[in-house]
């Protein structure tokens, strides 16, 4: 496992929910004697934030901030040369699979949409995704799923990348300068950061987002906290944080 991946994972886990809230609650606890005035304020503010981030009301709002910035331009007759599909993670300990590893639901949704796009424009496909936590690369598992589950062949395999910026740089080594125009398939909340990275790498990008956030209509249930909405809030916040970080790095 790459040291950079470990550091990035640890740091981001405490900048995003629920790690951020755990960190703030710990601070409130340790300040209870040194700052008796501010400790309870921090505690209740953190508790309120945890509640809000766990509701559809806030989850929908944060997700909309990320997804409203993108459009789907993967139409028939596009001038693109290649479909590029980005990995979104995998499952270890998959006892239902001989290899013991398989793509996760995020990656599966991306592959499903890539197969659909491929069937109306017949462009060759590149799958991109390494193995930052060890084991089989996401790209290998993605190629296997495209073939076995959707009957679609993969032309290029990019198994060396550990993050979005590396997805773009490693894909550029395989495709540029011959194939400069791509249809980029990834999750809707990941598209802004991903398309920016691929444009920085020298590609002309046609965005093909999928797996949009499930924005339920406003109702009394919008105020009921659920773990799934905390996960959605965290995912959207991660993308906003990632966009800021990539801009600072110039990716």
Protein backbone atom coordinates (compact mmCIF):
# COMPACT_ATOMS: atom_id res chain seq x y z
CA UNK A 1 0.00 0.00 0.00
CA UNK A 2 1.42 3.41 -1.01
CA UNK A 3 2.36 5.75 1.86
CA UNK A 4 0.70 8.67 0.06
CA UNK A 5 -2.57 6.72 -0.03
CA UNK A 6 -2.38 5.98 3.70
CA UNK A 7 -1.68 9.61 4.59
CA UNK A 8 -4.39 10.93 2.31
CA UNK A 9 -6.94 8.47 3.69
CA UNK A 10 -6.13 9.23 7.34
CA UNK A 11 -6.13 13.01 6.91
CA UNK A 12 -9.32 13.10 4.84
CA UNK A 13 -11.13 10.80 7.28
CA UNK A 14 -10.81 13.44 10.00
CA UNK A 15 -11.74 16.33 7.72
CA UNK A 16 -15.01 14.68 6.68
CA UNK A 17 -18.03 13.21 8.49
CA UNK A 18 -18.17 11.13 10.61
CA UNK A 19 -14.46 11.39 11.50
CA UNK A 20 -14.67 15.17 11.74
CA UNK A 21 -17.51 14.97 14.26
CA UNK A 22 -15.67 12.37 16.34
CA UNK A 23 -12.63 14.66 16.37
CA UNK A 24 -14.67 17.71 17.42
CA UNK A 25 -16.48 15.77 20.16
CA UNK A 26 -13.12 14.60 21.50
CA UNK A 27 -11.91 18.20 21.59
CA UNK A 28 -15.08 19.26 23.42
CA UNK A 29 -14.47 16.50 25.98
CA UNK A 30 -10.84 17.50 26.64
CA UNK A 31 -11.76 21.18 26.92
CA UNK A 32 -14.46 20.60 29.57
CA UNK A 33 -12.15 21.82 32.38
CA UNK A 34 -9.85 24.23 30.52
CA UNK A 35 -12.65 25.94 28.61
CA UNK A 36 -15.93 25.24 30.47
CA UNK A 37 -17.68 28.00 28.54
CA UNK A 38 -16.77 26.79 25.04
CA UNK A 39 -16.74 23.03 25.58
CA UNK A 40 -20.54 22.57 25.80
CA UNK A 41 -21.05 24.96 22.88
CA UNK A 42 -18.71 22.90 20.71
CA UNK A 43 -20.39 19.69 21.89
CA UNK A 44 -23.91 20.81 21.00
CA UNK A 45 -22.84 22.44 17.71
CA UNK A 46 -21.13 19.20 16.68
CA UNK A 47 -24.12 17.10 17.73
CA UNK A 48 -26.44 19.37 15.71
CA UNK A 49 -24.13 19.12 12.69
CA UNK A 50 -24.07 15.33 12.97
CA UNK A 51 -27.88 15.29 13.02
CA UNK A 52 -28.21 17.65 10.04
CA UNK A 53 -25.63 15.82 7.90
CA UNK A 54 -27.57 12.59 8.58
CA UNK A 55 -30.84 13.95 7.17
CA UNK A 56 -32.04 13.99 3.55
CA UNK A 57 -32.53 17.75 3.87
CA UNK A 58 -28.80 18.51 4.13
CA UNK A 59 -27.62 15.47 2.17
CA UNK A 60 -29.69 16.56 -0.84
CA UNK A 61 -28.45 20.15 -0.60
CA UNK A 62 -24.75 19.23 -0.46
CA UNK A 63 -25.09 16.65 -3.24
CA UNK A 64 -26.89 19.21 -5.41
CA UNK A 65 -23.97 21.62 -4.94
CA UNK A 66 -21.66 19.05 -6.52
CA UNK A 67 -23.91 17.53 -9.18
CA UNK A 68 -25.49 20.77 -10.45
CA UNK A 69 -22.14 21.74 -12.01
CA UNK A 70 -22.19 18.98 -14.65
CA UNK A 71 -24.04 18.03 -17.81
CA UNK A 72 -24.34 14.81 -19.79
CA UNK A 73 -23.03 15.23 -23.35
CA UNK A 74 -22.46 11.55 -24.26
CA UNK A 75 -24.86 11.65 -27.18
CA UNK A 76 -24.93 9.47 -30.29
CA UNK A 77 -22.73 10.92 -33.03
CA UNK A 78 -20.20 12.45 -30.64
CA UNK A 79 -16.76 13.27 -32.04
CA UNK A 80 -15.01 11.45 -29.17
CA UNK A 81 -12.53 8.66 -29.88
CA UNK A 82 -12.62 6.59 -26.70
CA UNK A 83 -14.78 5.87 -23.64
CA UNK A 84 -12.79 6.15 -20.39
CA UNK A 85 -14.34 4.58 -17.29
CA UNK A 86 -12.94 5.36 -13.84
CA UNK A 87 -12.91 2.85 -11.01
CA UNK A 88 -14.73 3.78 -7.82
CA UNK A 89 -13.44 1.09 -5.46
CA UNK A 90 -13.71 -2.64 -4.88
CA UNK A 91 -14.79 -5.18 -2.25
CA UNK A 92 -12.32 -7.35 -0.40
CA UNK A 93 -13.54 -10.58 1.20
CA UNK A 94 -16.05 -11.22 -1.56
CA UNK A 95 -16.84 -14.83 -0.65
CA UNK A 96 -19.26 -15.10 -3.59
CA UNK A 97 -16.37 -14.56 -6.02
CA UNK A 98 -13.58 -17.07 -6.73
CA UNK A 99 -10.92 -14.35 -6.71
CA UNK A 100 -12.15 -13.08 -3.33
CA UNK A 101 -12.28 -9.53 -4.69
CA UNK A 102 -14.74 -7.73 -6.93
CA UNK A 103 -15.86 -4.24 -7.88
CA UNK A 104 -18.09 -2.35 -5.47
CA UNK A 105 -21.52 -0.93 -6.26
CA UNK A 106 -20.12 2.48 -7.23
CA UNK A 107 -17.86 0.97 -9.88
CA UNK A 108 -20.63 -1.35 -11.06
CA UNK A 109 -22.93 1.62 -11.70
CA UNK A 110 -20.20 3.29 -13.76
CA UNK A 111 -19.60 0.13 -15.81
CA UNK A 112 -23.32 -0.33 -16.42
CA UNK A 113 -23.57 3.17 -17.85
CA UNK A 114 -20.36 2.79 -19.86
CA UNK A 115 -21.79 -0.36 -21.47
CA UNK A 116 -24.94 1.58 -22.37
CA UNK A 117 -22.92 4.43 -23.91
CA UNK A 118 -20.77 1.92 -25.81
CA UNK A 119 -23.79 0.24 -27.34
CA UNK A 120 -25.01 3.41 -29.05
CA UNK A 121 -21.64 4.73 -30.27
CA UNK A 122 -19.44 1.58 -30.42
CA UNK A 123 -16.31 3.40 -29.24
CA UNK A 124 -13.41 1.43 -27.71
CA UNK A 125 -13.16 1.45 -23.91
CA UNK A 126 -10.34 2.17 -21.47
CA UNK A 127 -10.85 1.18 -17.83
CA UNK A 128 -8.75 2.98 -15.23
CA UNK A 129 -8.08 2.03 -11.63
CA UNK A 130 -5.16 0.65 -9.64
CA UNK A 131 -4.94 -1.23 -6.37
CA UNK A 132 -4.07 1.42 -3.75
CA UNK A 133 -4.93 -0.96 -0.90
CA UNK A 134 -3.37 -4.03 -2.51
CA UNK A 135 -4.76 -7.07 -4.30
CA UNK A 136 -6.15 -7.12 -7.83
CA UNK A 137 -6.31 -3.80 -9.66
CA UNK A 138 -9.72 -2.23 -10.17
CA UNK A 139 -9.01 -2.06 -13.91
CA UNK A 140 -8.64 -5.85 -14.12
CA UNK A 141 -11.87 -6.40 -12.21
CA UNK A 142 -13.65 -3.82 -14.34
CA UNK A 143 -12.57 -5.49 -17.57
CA UNK A 144 -13.82 -8.80 -16.22
CA UNK A 145 -17.20 -7.33 -15.26
CA UNK A 146 -17.68 -5.55 -18.59
CA UNK A 147 -17.10 -8.81 -20.44
CA UNK A 148 -18.99 -11.20 -18.17
CA UNK A 149 -21.88 -8.98 -17.07
CA UNK A 150 -22.44 -6.74 -20.10
CA UNK A 151 -20.81 -8.56 -23.03
CA UNK A 152 -18.52 -5.60 -23.77
CA UNK A 153 -14.80 -5.89 -24.55
CA UNK A 154 -12.14 -3.60 -23.12
CA UNK A 155 -9.41 -2.24 -25.40
CA UNK A 156 -7.08 -0.60 -22.87
CA UNK A 157 -6.30 -1.44 -19.25
CA UNK A 158 -4.83 1.21 -16.92
CA UNK A 159 -4.02 -0.54 -13.60
CA UNK A 160 -1.37 1.80 -12.14
CA UNK A 161 -3.31 4.79 -10.77
CA UNK A 162 -4.10 5.44 -7.11
CA UNK A 163 -6.34 8.51 -7.40
CA UNK A 164 -8.19 10.69 -9.90
CA UNK A 165 -5.19 12.77 -10.93
CA UNK A 166 -3.23 9.59 -11.62
CA UNK A 167 -6.21 8.15 -13.55
CA UNK A 168 -5.79 11.04 -15.96
CA UNK A 169 -1.99 10.97 -16.19
CA UNK A 170 -1.75 7.21 -16.67
CA UNK A 171 -4.59 7.20 -19.21
CA UNK A 172 -2.80 9.94 -21.15
CA UNK A 173 0.22 7.66 -21.52
CA UNK A 174 -1.96 5.08 -23.23
CA UNK A 175 -4.16 7.32 -25.38
CA UNK A 176 -2.37 10.54 -26.25
CA UNK A 177 -1.68 11.92 -28.79
CA UNK A 178 -3.63 9.48 -30.98
CA UNK A 179 -6.92 9.63 -29.06
CA UNK A 180 -7.31 13.16 -27.61
CA UNK A 181 -11.12 13.27 -27.33
CA UNK A 182 -12.85 11.08 -24.77
CA UNK A 183 -16.22 10.32 -23.24
CA UNK A 184 -15.51 10.23 -19.50
CA UNK A 185 -17.74 7.97 -17.39
CA UNK A 186 -17.76 8.35 -13.63
CA UNK A 187 -20.19 9.08 -10.79
CA UNK A 188 -22.03 12.40 -11.01
CA UNK A 189 -20.54 13.72 -7.77
CA UNK A 190 -17.03 12.85 -8.98
CA UNK A 191 -17.30 14.33 -12.48
CA UNK A 192 -16.17 17.91 -11.83
CA UNK A 193 -12.87 16.85 -10.31
CA UNK A 194 -12.36 14.02 -12.80
CA UNK A 195 -13.05 16.07 -15.93
CA UNK A 196 -10.75 18.82 -14.71
CA UNK A 197 -7.93 16.30 -14.17
CA UNK A 198 -8.36 14.82 -17.65
CA UNK A 199 -8.44 18.25 -19.26
CA UNK A 200 -5.24 19.12 -17.40
CA UNK A 201 -3.72 15.91 -18.79
CA UNK A 202 -4.44 17.09 -22.35
CA UNK A 203 -7.81 15.55 -23.21
CA UNK A 204 -10.96 17.05 -24.69
CA UNK A 205 -13.61 15.70 -22.33
CA UNK A 206 -17.25 14.83 -23.05
CA UNK A 207 -18.83 14.19 -19.64
CA UNK A 208 -21.04 11.13 -19.11
CA UNK A 209 -22.02 11.21 -15.41
CA UNK A 210 -24.02 8.45 -13.75
CA UNK A 211 -25.14 7.26 -10.31
CA UNK A 212 -26.75 10.56 -9.31
CA UNK A 213 -27.70 11.17 -5.71
CA UNK A 214 -31.19 9.95 -4.78
CA UNK A 215 -32.87 13.28 -3.94
CA UNK A 216 -36.10 12.30 -2.24
CA UNK A 217 -38.92 14.90 -2.25
CA UNK A 218 -39.33 17.06 0.83
CA UNK A 219 -41.51 15.45 3.50
CA UNK A 220 -41.54 14.77 7.22
CA UNK A 221 -38.99 12.02 6.51
CA UNK A 222 -36.54 14.70 5.38
CA UNK A 223 -35.88 15.41 9.06
CA UNK A 224 -35.29 11.80 10.11
CA UNK A 225 -31.57 10.92 10.38
CA UNK A 226 -30.21 7.82 8.63
CA UNK A 227 -26.71 6.39 8.21
CA UNK A 228 -27.16 6.26 4.43
CA UNK A 229 -27.69 10.02 4.25
CA UNK A 230 -24.66 10.66 6.44
CA UNK A 231 -22.67 8.59 3.92
CA UNK A 232 -24.10 10.64 1.03
CA UNK A 233 -23.28 13.90 2.79
CA UNK A 234 -19.76 12.69 3.47
CA UNK A 235 -19.30 11.61 -0.16
CA UNK A 236 -20.43 15.00 -1.48
CA UNK A 237 -18.31 16.86 1.06
CA UNK A 238 -15.34 14.72 0.01
CA UNK A 239 -15.77 15.86 -3.58
CA UNK A 240 -15.98 19.52 -2.58
CA UNK A 241 -12.82 19.11 -0.49
CA UNK A 242 -11.16 17.22 -3.35
CA UNK A 243 -12.01 19.96 -5.84
CA UNK A 244 -10.38 22.58 -3.60
CA UNK A 245 -7.31 20.40 -3.06
CA UNK A 246 -6.88 19.67 -6.78
CA UNK A 247 -7.14 23.38 -7.59
CA UNK A 248 -4.40 24.12 -5.06
CA UNK A 249 -2.20 21.46 -6.68
CA UNK A 250 -3.07 22.63 -10.19
CA UNK A 251 -4.57 19.26 -11.20
